[in-house]
Amino acid sequence: MIIRRFGSFVSVAIAVAAAGPVRAQDVPQAPWKIADIGLGDTPAAVAATLARAGYRRDWQLEGRSWEAEVAAKAAWLRGIHAPPETHVTQNEVYRKDQERLFVDYLATPAGPLLWRIEYRILARLVDEGRFRAAVGQRYGEPRRRWTNELAYCSPAGTSCNLSISPDARQLPTLTVRFNDITDRSIELSHGERAERNYAQAVIQEVDRRYPKKQQPSF
């Protein structure tokens, strides 16, 4: 099922160098994957990889394209009339038996690129000890460990205390939760620094296309 959402879509971003256009190579890289998909993958690559692993797509949500993001920001910052929005894949949910994958994408000039993945399974379906063992076998020793949560942080980060350290949330992280409401979950996210970079890149593109007036023309 494909769902379109108009007007109210707010971009939550990743992926770019602070200057210049958004490119695939600017997506934050992480040493982890979930179900063999990772940050920067395209929807087509995600679909092909997950199909080989036995997942099927339950639904898909569309949001603004890069051009629509820039046009909306130009309308806000410059008072320029925004053309009709174009849309690209924003969110998808895949399922394999009782396992679910929630996949979110970022709109870039080259198309949507993956910026967040979350794996979920009902806690009653898998014993916590077995889940912990599987996580340890796949991802190794975490940098931070709590009773119900593990954190794997980017090697470049100086801290991995996600609850209190602003630095820990800047770069890509992998978070494992053993009792996430009714689920056990694994989340791979891009980091807050990339969100700021993306927002800045949209503004810079507006500045490039629609420079501010140096003086009135009346």
N, C-alpha and C. Protein backbone atom coordinates (compact mmCIF):
# COMPACT_ATOMS: atom_id res chain seq x y z
N MET A 1 0.84 -1.19 0.00
CA MET A 1 0.00 0.00 0.00
C MET A 1 0.88 1.24 0.00
N ILE A 2 0.56 2.24 -0.84
CA ILE A 2 1.30 3.49 -0.89
C ILE A 2 0.41 4.60 -0.36
N ILE A 3 0.91 5.36 0.61
CA ILE A 3 0.15 6.44 1.22
C ILE A 3 0.83 7.75 0.89
N ARG A 4 0.08 8.74 0.44
CA ARG A 4 0.63 10.07 0.21
C ARG A 4 0.19 10.98 1.35
N ARG A 5 1.11 11.79 1.84
CA ARG A 5 0.77 12.76 2.87
C ARG A 5 1.19 14.12 2.36
N PHE A 6 0.25 15.03 2.22
CA PHE A 6 0.52 16.34 1.63
C PHE A 6 0.54 17.41 2.71
N GLY A 7 1.32 18.46 2.46
CA GLY A 7 1.23 19.67 3.25
C GLY A 7 1.91 19.60 4.60
N SER A 8 1.57 18.60 5.42
CA SER A 8 2.04 18.59 6.79
C SER A 8 3.39 17.92 6.96
N PHE A 9 3.96 17.37 5.89
CA PHE A 9 5.24 16.67 6.01
C PHE A 9 6.34 17.63 6.44
N VAL A 10 7.04 17.27 7.51
CA VAL A 10 8.18 18.03 7.99
C VAL A 10 9.41 17.16 7.82
N SER A 11 10.40 17.66 7.12
CA SER A 11 11.58 16.83 6.86
C SER A 11 12.41 16.69 8.13
N VAL A 12 12.72 15.46 8.47
CA VAL A 12 13.70 15.17 9.50
C VAL A 12 14.89 14.63 8.76
N ALA A 13 16.09 15.24 8.93
CA ALA A 13 17.09 15.07 7.93
C ALA A 13 18.30 14.29 8.35
N ILE A 14 19.08 13.91 7.31
CA ILE A 14 20.44 13.51 7.57
C ILE A 14 21.35 14.13 6.56
N ALA A 15 22.34 13.74 6.37
CA ALA A 15 23.19 13.47 5.29
C ALA A 15 23.79 14.53 4.49
N VAL A 16 24.52 15.44 4.87
CA VAL A 16 25.18 16.24 3.89
C VAL A 16 26.37 16.92 4.48
N ALA A 17 27.27 17.28 3.63
CA ALA A 17 28.30 18.19 4.05
C ALA A 17 27.65 19.54 4.22
N ALA A 18 28.21 20.38 5.09
CA ALA A 18 27.56 21.65 5.39
C ALA A 18 27.49 22.55 4.18
N ALA A 19 28.39 22.38 3.22
CA ALA A 19 28.34 23.18 2.01
C ALA A 19 28.19 22.26 0.81
N GLY A 20 27.56 22.79 -0.23
CA GLY A 20 27.42 22.01 -1.45
C GLY A 20 26.17 21.16 -1.45
N PRO A 21 25.87 20.53 -2.58
CA PRO A 21 24.65 19.73 -2.70
C PRO A 21 24.73 18.45 -1.89
N VAL A 22 23.56 17.89 -1.60
CA VAL A 22 23.49 16.63 -0.88
C VAL A 22 23.84 15.49 -1.82
N ARG A 23 24.78 14.67 -1.42
CA ARG A 23 25.23 13.56 -2.27
C ARG A 23 25.17 12.27 -1.47
N ALA A 24 25.12 11.16 -2.18
CA ALA A 24 25.06 9.87 -1.49
C ALA A 24 26.26 9.68 -0.58
N GLN A 25 27.42 10.13 -1.03
CA GLN A 25 28.63 9.91 -0.23
C GLN A 25 28.65 10.77 1.02
N ASP A 26 27.75 11.75 1.13
CA ASP A 26 27.70 12.58 2.32
C ASP A 26 26.88 11.95 3.44
N VAL A 27 26.13 10.90 3.14
CA VAL A 27 25.34 10.24 4.18
C VAL A 27 26.28 9.69 5.23
N PRO A 28 26.02 9.95 6.52
CA PRO A 28 26.91 9.43 7.56
C PRO A 28 27.07 7.92 7.44
N GLN A 29 28.28 7.48 7.51
CA GLN A 29 28.55 6.05 7.41
C GLN A 29 28.62 5.44 8.81
N ALA A 30 28.22 4.20 8.93
CA ALA A 30 28.23 3.51 10.21
C ALA A 30 28.76 2.11 10.00
N PRO A 31 29.44 1.55 11.00
CA PRO A 31 30.01 0.20 10.84
C PRO A 31 28.98 -0.91 11.05
N TRP A 32 27.70 -0.54 11.22
CA TRP A 32 26.68 -1.56 11.48
C TRP A 32 25.63 -1.55 10.39
N LYS A 33 24.97 -2.70 10.26
CA LYS A 33 23.79 -2.83 9.41
C LYS A 33 22.75 -3.63 10.17
N ILE A 34 21.51 -3.52 9.73
CA ILE A 34 20.43 -4.33 10.26
C ILE A 34 19.82 -5.07 9.07
N ALA A 35 19.78 -6.38 9.14
CA ALA A 35 19.29 -7.20 8.03
C ALA A 35 20.02 -6.87 6.73
N ASP A 36 21.29 -6.51 6.84
CA ASP A 36 22.16 -6.22 5.70
C ASP A 36 21.79 -4.96 4.94
N ILE A 37 21.01 -4.07 5.55
CA ILE A 37 20.79 -2.74 4.96
C ILE A 37 21.38 -1.70 5.89
N GLY A 38 21.85 -0.59 5.31
CA GLY A 38 22.54 0.40 6.12
C GLY A 38 22.29 1.82 5.65
N LEU A 39 22.84 2.78 6.38
CA LEU A 39 22.67 4.18 6.06
C LEU A 39 23.15 4.47 4.65
N GLY A 40 22.35 5.23 3.89
CA GLY A 40 22.72 5.61 2.54
C GLY A 40 22.18 4.71 1.45
N ASP A 41 21.56 3.59 1.82
CA ASP A 41 20.97 2.70 0.81
C ASP A 41 19.75 3.35 0.16
N THR A 42 19.51 3.04 -1.11
CA THR A 42 18.33 3.52 -1.81
C THR A 42 17.14 2.60 -1.54
N PRO A 43 15.91 3.08 -1.78
CA PRO A 43 14.75 2.19 -1.62
C PRO A 43 14.84 0.92 -2.47
N ALA A 44 15.38 1.05 -3.69
CA ALA A 44 15.51 -0.13 -4.55
C ALA A 44 16.48 -1.13 -3.96
N ALA A 45 17.61 -0.64 -3.43
CA ALA A 45 18.59 -1.53 -2.83
C ALA A 45 18.02 -2.19 -1.58
N VAL A 46 17.28 -1.41 -0.79
CA VAL A 46 16.65 -1.96 0.41
C VAL A 46 15.67 -3.06 0.04
N ALA A 47 14.81 -2.78 -0.95
CA ALA A 47 13.81 -3.76 -1.36
C ALA A 47 14.45 -5.05 -1.85
N ALA A 48 15.52 -4.93 -2.64
CA ALA A 48 16.17 -6.12 -3.18
C ALA A 48 16.85 -6.93 -2.08
N THR A 49 17.54 -6.24 -1.17
CA THR A 49 18.23 -6.93 -0.08
C THR A 49 17.24 -7.65 0.83
N LEU A 50 16.17 -6.96 1.20
CA LEU A 50 15.20 -7.55 2.12
C LEU A 50 14.40 -8.67 1.46
N ALA A 51 14.15 -8.55 0.16
CA ALA A 51 13.45 -9.64 -0.54
C ALA A 51 14.29 -10.92 -0.50
N ARG A 52 15.59 -10.78 -0.67
CA ARG A 52 16.47 -11.96 -0.61
C ARG A 52 16.46 -12.57 0.78
N ALA A 53 16.25 -11.72 1.79
CA ALA A 53 16.23 -12.21 3.18
C ALA A 53 14.86 -12.71 3.61
N GLY A 54 13.87 -12.63 2.72
CA GLY A 54 12.56 -13.16 3.03
C GLY A 54 11.57 -12.17 3.58
N TYR A 55 11.91 -10.88 3.56
CA TYR A 55 10.99 -9.85 4.02
C TYR A 55 10.05 -9.43 2.88
N ARG A 56 8.85 -8.99 3.24
CA ARG A 56 7.93 -8.39 2.27
C ARG A 56 7.53 -7.01 2.78
N ARG A 57 7.26 -6.11 1.87
CA ARG A 57 6.88 -4.74 2.26
C ARG A 57 5.40 -4.69 2.60
N ASP A 58 5.08 -4.20 3.80
CA ASP A 58 3.69 -4.05 4.23
C ASP A 58 3.08 -2.76 3.72
N TRP A 59 3.82 -1.66 3.85
CA TRP A 59 3.30 -0.39 3.35
C TRP A 59 4.42 0.60 3.10
N GLN A 60 4.06 1.68 2.41
CA GLN A 60 5.03 2.72 2.02
C GLN A 60 4.36 4.08 2.13
N LEU A 61 5.08 5.03 2.68
CA LEU A 61 4.59 6.41 2.82
C LEU A 61 5.48 7.33 2.01
N GLU A 62 4.87 8.26 1.27
CA GLU A 62 5.63 9.21 0.47
C GLU A 62 5.65 10.58 1.13
N GLY A 63 6.75 11.30 0.94
CA GLY A 63 6.92 12.66 1.44
C GLY A 63 7.57 13.54 0.40
N ARG A 64 7.90 14.74 0.77
CA ARG A 64 8.48 15.70 -0.16
C ARG A 64 9.80 15.22 -0.76
N SER A 65 9.97 15.51 -2.04
CA SER A 65 11.26 15.31 -2.70
C SER A 65 12.22 16.44 -2.30
N TRP A 66 13.49 16.32 -2.71
CA TRP A 66 14.45 17.39 -2.46
C TRP A 66 13.97 18.71 -3.07
N GLU A 67 13.49 18.67 -4.31
CA GLU A 67 13.00 19.89 -4.95
C GLU A 67 11.84 20.50 -4.17
N ALA A 68 10.97 19.66 -3.67
CA ALA A 68 9.84 20.16 -2.89
C ALA A 68 10.30 20.74 -1.56
N GLU A 69 11.32 20.13 -0.94
CA GLU A 69 11.88 20.68 0.30
C GLU A 69 12.45 22.07 0.07
N VAL A 70 13.23 22.22 -1.01
CA VAL A 70 13.83 23.51 -1.31
C VAL A 70 12.74 24.54 -1.63
N ALA A 71 11.73 24.14 -2.42
CA ALA A 71 10.65 25.06 -2.77
C ALA A 71 9.87 25.52 -1.55
N ALA A 72 9.60 24.60 -0.64
CA ALA A 72 8.87 24.96 0.58
C ALA A 72 9.68 25.92 1.44
N LYS A 73 10.98 25.69 1.53
CA LYS A 73 11.83 26.60 2.31
C LYS A 73 11.94 27.96 1.64
N ALA A 74 11.99 27.98 0.31
CA ALA A 74 12.03 29.24 -0.41
C ALA A 74 10.74 30.03 -0.21
N ALA A 75 9.62 29.31 -0.19
CA ALA A 75 8.35 29.99 0.06
C ALA A 75 8.34 30.63 1.43
N TRP A 76 8.92 29.95 2.41
CA TRP A 76 8.95 30.47 3.78
C TRP A 76 9.94 31.62 3.93
N LEU A 77 11.15 31.47 3.38
CA LEU A 77 12.20 32.45 3.58
C LEU A 77 12.13 33.63 2.61
N ARG A 78 11.60 33.41 1.40
CA ARG A 78 11.63 34.45 0.38
C ARG A 78 10.23 34.91 -0.04
N GLY A 79 9.20 34.23 0.42
CA GLY A 79 7.86 34.59 -0.01
C GLY A 79 7.59 34.23 -1.45
N ILE A 80 8.33 33.22 -1.98
CA ILE A 80 8.18 32.80 -3.37
C ILE A 80 7.12 31.71 -3.45
N HIS A 81 6.25 31.81 -4.44
CA HIS A 81 5.21 30.81 -4.60
C HIS A 81 5.81 29.44 -4.88
N ALA A 82 5.44 28.45 -4.09
CA ALA A 82 5.97 27.11 -4.26
C ALA A 82 5.18 26.36 -5.32
N PRO A 83 5.85 25.69 -6.25
CA PRO A 83 5.14 24.90 -7.26
C PRO A 83 4.51 23.67 -6.62
N PRO A 84 3.67 22.94 -7.35
CA PRO A 84 3.09 21.71 -6.80
C PRO A 84 4.19 20.75 -6.34
N GLU A 85 3.97 20.12 -5.20
CA GLU A 85 4.99 19.26 -4.62
C GLU A 85 5.16 17.96 -5.41
N THR A 86 6.40 17.52 -5.49
CA THR A 86 6.70 16.18 -5.98
C THR A 86 7.08 15.32 -4.79
N HIS A 87 6.84 14.03 -4.90
CA HIS A 87 7.00 13.16 -3.75
C HIS A 87 7.90 11.97 -4.06
N VAL A 88 8.57 11.50 -3.01
CA VAL A 88 9.42 10.31 -3.09
C VAL A 88 9.17 9.47 -1.85
N THR A 89 9.73 8.27 -1.84
CA THR A 89 9.56 7.39 -0.70
C THR A 89 10.14 8.00 0.56
N GLN A 90 9.36 7.99 1.63
CA GLN A 90 9.79 8.56 2.91
C GLN A 90 9.93 7.48 3.99
N ASN A 91 8.94 6.60 4.11
CA ASN A 91 8.96 5.55 5.13
C ASN A 91 8.43 4.24 4.53
N GLU A 92 8.97 3.15 5.03
CA GLU A 92 8.49 1.83 4.65
C GLU A 92 8.48 0.92 5.86
N VAL A 93 7.60 -0.06 5.83
CA VAL A 93 7.59 -1.12 6.84
C VAL A 93 7.68 -2.46 6.12
N TYR A 94 8.65 -3.27 6.53
CA TYR A 94 8.82 -4.61 6.00
C TYR A 94 8.56 -5.62 7.11
N ARG A 95 8.13 -6.82 6.71
CA ARG A 95 7.80 -7.85 7.70
C ARG A 95 8.29 -9.22 7.21
N LYS A 96 8.81 -9.99 8.16
CA LYS A 96 9.12 -11.40 7.91
C LYS A 96 8.62 -12.19 9.10
N ASP A 97 7.50 -12.90 8.91
CA ASP A 97 6.85 -13.59 10.02
C ASP A 97 6.54 -12.58 11.14
N GLN A 98 7.11 -12.78 12.32
CA GLN A 98 6.83 -11.86 13.44
C GLN A 98 7.80 -10.70 13.53
N GLU A 99 8.79 -10.64 12.65
CA GLU A 99 9.80 -9.59 12.70
C GLU A 99 9.41 -8.43 11.79
N ARG A 100 9.65 -7.19 12.26
CA ARG A 100 9.30 -6.01 11.49
C ARG A 100 10.51 -5.09 11.36
N LEU A 101 10.61 -4.43 10.21
CA LEU A 101 11.64 -3.44 9.96
C LEU A 101 10.98 -2.13 9.55
N PHE A 102 11.30 -1.05 10.25
CA PHE A 102 10.81 0.28 9.93
C PHE A 102 11.97 1.06 9.30
N VAL A 103 11.77 1.51 8.07
CA VAL A 103 12.85 2.13 7.30
C VAL A 103 12.45 3.56 6.91
N ASP A 104 13.30 4.53 7.23
CA ASP A 104 13.04 5.93 6.91
C ASP A 104 14.11 6.45 5.96
N TYR A 105 13.69 7.33 5.03
CA TYR A 105 14.59 7.84 4.00
C TYR A 105 14.67 9.36 4.06
N LEU A 106 15.78 9.87 3.56
CA LEU A 106 16.03 11.31 3.40
C LEU A 106 15.91 11.68 1.93
N ALA A 107 15.24 12.78 1.65
CA ALA A 107 15.12 13.25 0.26
C ALA A 107 16.39 14.02 -0.12
N THR A 108 17.12 13.52 -1.11
CA THR A 108 18.32 14.19 -1.61
C THR A 108 18.15 14.48 -3.09
N PRO A 109 19.03 15.29 -3.70
CA PRO A 109 18.93 15.55 -5.15
C PRO A 109 19.02 14.27 -5.98
N ALA A 110 19.72 13.26 -5.45
CA ALA A 110 19.85 12.00 -6.18
C ALA A 110 18.70 11.04 -5.89
N GLY A 111 17.77 11.45 -5.04
CA GLY A 111 16.66 10.58 -4.66
C GLY A 111 16.72 10.25 -3.18
N PRO A 112 15.76 9.46 -2.68
CA PRO A 112 15.74 9.14 -1.26
C PRO A 112 16.86 8.19 -0.86
N LEU A 113 17.47 8.45 0.31
CA LEU A 113 18.53 7.60 0.85
C LEU A 113 18.18 7.25 2.29
N LEU A 114 18.50 6.05 2.69
CA LEU A 114 18.13 5.56 4.01
C LEU A 114 18.86 6.33 5.11
N TRP A 115 18.12 6.75 6.14
CA TRP A 115 18.75 7.45 7.26
C TRP A 115 18.43 6.84 8.62
N ARG A 116 17.45 5.95 8.69
CA ARG A 116 17.13 5.33 9.98
C ARG A 116 16.49 3.96 9.72
N ILE A 117 16.89 2.98 10.51
CA ILE A 117 16.31 1.64 10.45
C ILE A 117 15.98 1.21 11.88
N GLU A 118 14.85 0.57 12.05
CA GLU A 118 14.52 0.00 13.36
C GLU A 118 13.95 -1.41 13.17
N TYR A 119 14.56 -2.35 13.86
CA TYR A 119 14.08 -3.74 13.89
C TYR A 119 13.26 -3.93 15.15
N ARG A 120 12.11 -4.61 15.03
CA ARG A 120 11.27 -4.87 16.19
C ARG A 120 10.71 -6.29 16.15
N ILE A 121 10.62 -6.87 17.34
CA ILE A 121 9.94 -8.16 17.50
C ILE A 121 9.29 -8.15 18.88
N LEU A 122 8.10 -8.70 18.99
CA LEU A 122 7.41 -8.74 20.27
C LEU A 122 8.26 -9.49 21.30
N ALA A 123 8.36 -8.91 22.50
CA ALA A 123 9.21 -9.50 23.53
C ALA A 123 8.79 -10.92 23.88
N ARG A 124 7.50 -11.19 23.82
CA ARG A 124 7.03 -12.53 24.20
C ARG A 124 7.41 -13.60 23.18
N LEU A 125 7.89 -13.18 22.01
CA LEU A 125 8.21 -14.14 20.95
C LEU A 125 9.65 -14.62 20.99
N VAL A 126 10.51 -13.92 21.73
CA VAL A 126 11.91 -14.33 21.80
C VAL A 126 12.43 -14.06 23.21
N ASP A 127 13.04 -15.05 23.80
CA ASP A 127 13.59 -14.93 25.14
C ASP A 127 14.68 -13.85 25.17
N GLU A 128 14.71 -13.07 26.26
CA GLU A 128 15.68 -11.97 26.34
C GLU A 128 17.11 -12.48 26.26
N GLY A 129 17.38 -13.61 26.90
CA GLY A 129 18.74 -14.15 26.87
C GLY A 129 19.17 -14.52 25.46
N ARG A 130 18.28 -15.11 24.69
CA ARG A 130 18.61 -15.46 23.31
C ARG A 130 18.79 -14.21 22.45
N PHE A 131 17.96 -13.20 22.71
CA PHE A 131 18.09 -11.95 21.96
C PHE A 131 19.43 -11.28 22.27
N ARG A 132 19.80 -11.24 23.55
CA ARG A 132 21.09 -10.66 23.93
C ARG A 132 22.25 -11.41 23.27
N ALA A 133 22.15 -12.72 23.26
CA ALA A 133 23.22 -13.51 22.65
C ALA A 133 23.34 -13.24 21.16
N ALA A 134 22.20 -13.12 20.48
CA ALA A 134 22.22 -12.85 19.05
C ALA A 134 22.81 -11.47 18.76
N VAL A 135 22.46 -10.49 19.60
CA VAL A 135 23.01 -9.14 19.43
C VAL A 135 24.52 -9.15 19.63
N GLY A 136 24.98 -9.82 20.68
CA GLY A 136 26.42 -9.88 20.93
C GLY A 136 27.19 -10.57 19.82
N GLN A 137 26.60 -11.63 19.26
CA GLN A 137 27.26 -12.34 18.16
C GLN A 137 27.33 -11.47 16.92
N ARG A 138 26.29 -10.68 16.67
CA ARG A 138 26.26 -9.86 15.45
C ARG A 138 27.08 -8.59 15.59
N TYR A 139 26.98 -7.90 16.73
CA TYR A 139 27.56 -6.56 16.84
C TYR A 139 28.73 -6.46 17.81
N GLY A 140 29.01 -7.51 18.56
CA GLY A 140 30.14 -7.48 19.47
C GLY A 140 29.83 -6.73 20.76
N GLU A 141 30.87 -6.27 21.44
CA GLU A 141 30.75 -5.62 22.73
C GLU A 141 30.30 -4.17 22.56
N PRO A 142 29.26 -3.74 23.27
CA PRO A 142 28.81 -2.35 23.15
C PRO A 142 29.75 -1.40 23.90
N ARG A 143 29.67 -0.11 23.56
CA ARG A 143 30.46 0.89 24.28
C ARG A 143 29.81 1.29 25.60
N ARG A 144 28.48 1.19 25.66
CA ARG A 144 27.76 1.48 26.90
C ARG A 144 26.73 0.39 27.14
N ARG A 145 26.54 0.04 28.41
CA ARG A 145 25.63 -1.04 28.77
C ARG A 145 24.77 -0.61 29.96
N TRP A 146 23.45 -0.75 29.81
CA TRP A 146 22.52 -0.53 30.90
C TRP A 146 21.71 -1.80 31.10
N THR A 147 20.80 -1.80 32.07
CA THR A 147 20.03 -3.00 32.36
C THR A 147 19.21 -3.46 31.16
N ASN A 148 18.53 -2.51 30.52
CA ASN A 148 17.63 -2.85 29.41
C ASN A 148 18.05 -2.26 28.08
N GLU A 149 19.29 -1.76 27.98
CA GLU A 149 19.69 -1.08 26.75
C GLU A 149 21.19 -1.20 26.54
N LEU A 150 21.57 -1.33 25.28
CA LEU A 150 22.97 -1.31 24.88
C LEU A 150 23.17 -0.21 23.86
N ALA A 151 24.34 0.44 23.88
CA ALA A 151 24.63 1.50 22.92
C ALA A 151 25.95 1.21 22.21
N TYR A 152 25.89 1.24 20.88
CA TYR A 152 27.08 1.14 20.03
C TYR A 152 27.24 2.49 19.36
N CYS A 153 28.31 3.20 19.69
CA CYS A 153 28.49 4.56 19.19
C CYS A 153 29.65 4.62 18.21
N SER A 154 29.62 5.61 17.33
CA SER A 154 30.65 5.76 16.32
C SER A 154 32.02 5.91 16.97
N PRO A 155 33.03 5.25 16.43
CA PRO A 155 34.37 5.32 17.01
C PRO A 155 34.88 6.75 17.15
N ALA A 156 34.43 7.65 16.26
CA ALA A 156 34.92 9.02 16.32
C ALA A 156 34.32 9.81 17.48
N GLY A 157 33.26 9.32 18.07
CA GLY A 157 32.62 10.03 19.17
C GLY A 157 33.42 9.93 20.45
N THR A 158 33.42 11.00 21.25
CA THR A 158 34.17 11.02 22.50
C THR A 158 33.38 10.44 23.66
N SER A 159 32.06 10.30 23.50
CA SER A 159 31.21 9.79 24.56
C SER A 159 30.16 8.87 23.96
N CYS A 160 29.66 7.96 24.79
CA CYS A 160 28.59 7.08 24.33
C CYS A 160 27.47 7.03 25.37
N ASN A 161 27.34 8.08 26.18
CA ASN A 161 26.26 8.14 27.14
C ASN A 161 25.09 8.87 26.49
N LEU A 162 24.24 8.14 25.80
CA LEU A 162 23.20 8.75 24.98
C LEU A 162 22.20 9.54 25.80
N SER A 163 22.03 9.19 27.07
CA SER A 163 21.00 9.85 27.87
C SER A 163 21.40 11.24 28.34
N ILE A 164 22.70 11.51 28.52
CA ILE A 164 23.08 12.80 29.07
C ILE A 164 24.13 13.55 28.25
N SER A 165 24.81 12.90 27.34
CA SER A 165 25.90 13.54 26.61
C SER A 165 25.44 14.02 25.24
N PRO A 166 25.46 15.34 24.99
CA PRO A 166 25.11 15.84 23.66
C PRO A 166 26.02 15.29 22.57
N ASP A 167 27.30 15.09 22.90
CA ASP A 167 28.25 14.60 21.90
C ASP A 167 27.88 13.22 21.41
N ALA A 168 27.35 12.37 22.30
CA ALA A 168 27.04 11.00 21.94
C ALA A 168 25.96 10.90 20.89
N ARG A 169 25.12 11.92 20.79
CA ARG A 169 24.00 11.87 19.85
C ARG A 169 24.32 12.54 18.52
N GLN A 170 25.55 13.00 18.32
CA GLN A 170 25.88 13.74 17.11
C GLN A 170 26.13 12.82 15.91
N LEU A 171 26.74 11.66 16.14
CA LEU A 171 27.15 10.76 15.08
C LEU A 171 26.24 9.53 15.05
N PRO A 172 26.33 8.71 13.99
CA PRO A 172 25.48 7.52 13.92
C PRO A 172 25.64 6.62 15.15
N THR A 173 24.52 6.05 15.59
CA THR A 173 24.53 5.16 16.74
C THR A 173 23.64 3.95 16.46
N LEU A 174 23.96 2.86 17.13
CA LEU A 174 23.12 1.66 17.12
C LEU A 174 22.68 1.42 18.55
N THR A 175 21.37 1.38 18.78
CA THR A 175 20.83 1.23 20.12
C THR A 175 19.98 -0.03 20.19
N VAL A 176 20.25 -0.86 21.17
CA VAL A 176 19.50 -2.10 21.38
C VAL A 176 18.68 -1.95 22.66
N ARG A 177 17.39 -2.22 22.56
CA ARG A 177 16.50 -2.13 23.73
C ARG A 177 15.85 -3.49 23.94
N PHE A 178 15.99 -4.01 25.16
CA PHE A 178 15.49 -5.35 25.44
C PHE A 178 14.03 -5.34 25.86
N ASN A 179 13.56 -4.24 26.41
CA ASN A 179 12.16 -4.12 26.81
C ASN A 179 11.65 -2.76 26.38
N ASP A 180 11.41 -2.60 25.08
CA ASP A 180 10.95 -1.34 24.48
C ASP A 180 9.42 -1.40 24.38
N ILE A 181 8.76 -1.03 25.47
CA ILE A 181 7.31 -1.17 25.62
C ILE A 181 6.97 -2.67 25.51
N THR A 182 6.44 -3.12 24.38
CA THR A 182 6.11 -4.54 24.24
C THR A 182 7.12 -5.28 23.39
N ASP A 183 8.14 -4.59 22.89
CA ASP A 183 9.06 -5.17 21.90
C ASP A 183 10.49 -5.27 22.42
N ARG A 184 11.26 -6.03 21.69
CA ARG A 184 12.71 -5.94 21.73
C ARG A 184 13.10 -5.28 20.41
N SER A 185 14.05 -4.33 20.45
CA SER A 185 14.30 -3.54 19.25
C SER A 185 15.77 -3.23 19.07
N ILE A 186 16.13 -2.93 17.81
CA ILE A 186 17.47 -2.46 17.45
C ILE A 186 17.27 -1.28 16.51
N GLU A 187 17.87 -0.15 16.84
CA GLU A 187 17.70 1.06 16.03
C GLU A 187 19.05 1.60 15.57
N LEU A 188 19.16 1.84 14.26
CA LEU A 188 20.34 2.48 13.68
C LEU A 188 19.92 3.84 13.17
N SER A 189 20.52 4.90 13.70
CA SER A 189 20.14 6.26 13.30
C SER A 189 21.37 7.07 12.93
N HIS A 190 21.13 8.17 12.24
CA HIS A 190 22.18 8.93 11.59
C HIS A 190 22.89 9.92 12.48
N GLY A 191 22.25 10.44 13.52
CA GLY A 191 22.88 11.40 14.40
C GLY A 191 22.41 12.83 14.17
N GLU A 192 22.48 13.63 15.23
CA GLU A 192 21.94 14.98 15.19
C GLU A 192 22.76 15.94 14.33
N ARG A 193 24.07 15.70 14.24
CA ARG A 193 24.90 16.59 13.42
C ARG A 193 24.43 16.59 11.98
N ALA A 194 24.08 15.41 11.47
CA ALA A 194 23.62 15.30 10.09
C ALA A 194 22.28 16.01 9.89
N GLU A 195 21.43 16.00 10.92
CA GLU A 195 20.16 16.73 10.82
C GLU A 195 20.42 18.21 10.62
N ARG A 196 21.33 18.77 11.42
CA ARG A 196 21.65 20.19 11.28
C ARG A 196 22.28 20.48 9.93
N ASN A 197 23.18 19.60 9.47
CA ASN A 197 23.83 19.80 8.18
C ASN A 197 22.82 19.80 7.04
N TYR A 198 21.85 18.90 7.12
CA TYR A 198 20.85 18.83 6.06
C TYR A 198 19.98 20.08 6.03
N ALA A 199 19.53 20.51 7.20
CA ALA A 199 18.72 21.72 7.27
C ALA A 199 19.49 22.91 6.70
N GLN A 200 20.79 22.98 7.03
CA GLN A 200 21.61 24.07 6.52
C GLN A 200 21.79 23.96 5.01
N ALA A 201 21.91 22.73 4.49
CA ALA A 201 22.08 22.55 3.05
C ALA A 201 20.84 23.01 2.28
N VAL A 202 19.66 22.76 2.82
CA VAL A 202 18.43 23.24 2.17
C VAL A 202 18.44 24.76 2.11
N ILE A 203 18.81 25.41 3.20
CA ILE A 203 18.86 26.88 3.22
C ILE A 203 19.90 27.39 2.24
N GLN A 204 21.05 26.75 2.18
CA GLN A 204 22.09 27.18 1.25
C GLN A 204 21.64 27.04 -0.20
N GLU A 205 20.85 26.00 -0.49
CA GLU A 205 20.34 25.83 -1.84
C GLU A 205 19.34 26.94 -2.18
N VAL A 206 18.54 27.32 -1.20
CA VAL A 206 17.63 28.46 -1.39
C VAL A 206 18.42 29.73 -1.66
N ASP A 207 19.48 29.96 -0.89
CA ASP A 207 20.32 31.15 -1.09
C ASP A 207 20.96 31.14 -2.47
N ARG A 208 21.35 29.96 -2.95
CA ARG A 208 21.99 29.87 -4.26
C ARG A 208 20.99 30.18 -5.38
N ARG A 209 19.78 29.63 -5.25
CA ARG A 209 18.80 29.81 -6.31
C ARG A 209 18.11 31.18 -6.24
N TYR A 210 17.90 31.67 -5.04
CA TYR A 210 17.14 32.90 -4.85
C TYR A 210 17.90 33.84 -3.93
N PRO A 211 18.98 34.48 -4.44
CA PRO A 211 19.79 35.37 -3.58
C PRO A 211 18.90 36.48 -3.01
N LYS A 212 19.26 36.91 -1.81
CA LYS A 212 18.53 38.00 -1.19
C LYS A 212 18.73 39.29 -1.99
N LYS A 213 17.72 40.11 -2.02
CA LYS A 213 17.81 41.39 -2.71
C LYS A 213 18.80 42.31 -1.99
N GLN A 214 19.70 42.90 -2.76
CA GLN A 214 20.64 43.84 -2.18
C GLN A 214 20.01 45.21 -1.96
N GLN A 215 19.03 45.52 -2.83
CA GLN A 215 18.30 46.77 -2.65
C GLN A 215 16.94 46.64 -3.33
N PRO A 216 15.96 47.40 -2.85
CA PRO A 216 14.63 47.30 -3.46
C PRO A 216 14.64 47.83 -4.89
N SER A 217 13.71 47.37 -5.71
CA SER A 217 13.70 47.73 -7.13
C SER A 217 12.60 48.75 -7.49
N PHE A 218 11.95 49.35 -6.49
CA PHE A 218 10.90 50.31 -6.82
C PHE A 218 11.52 51.66 -7.26
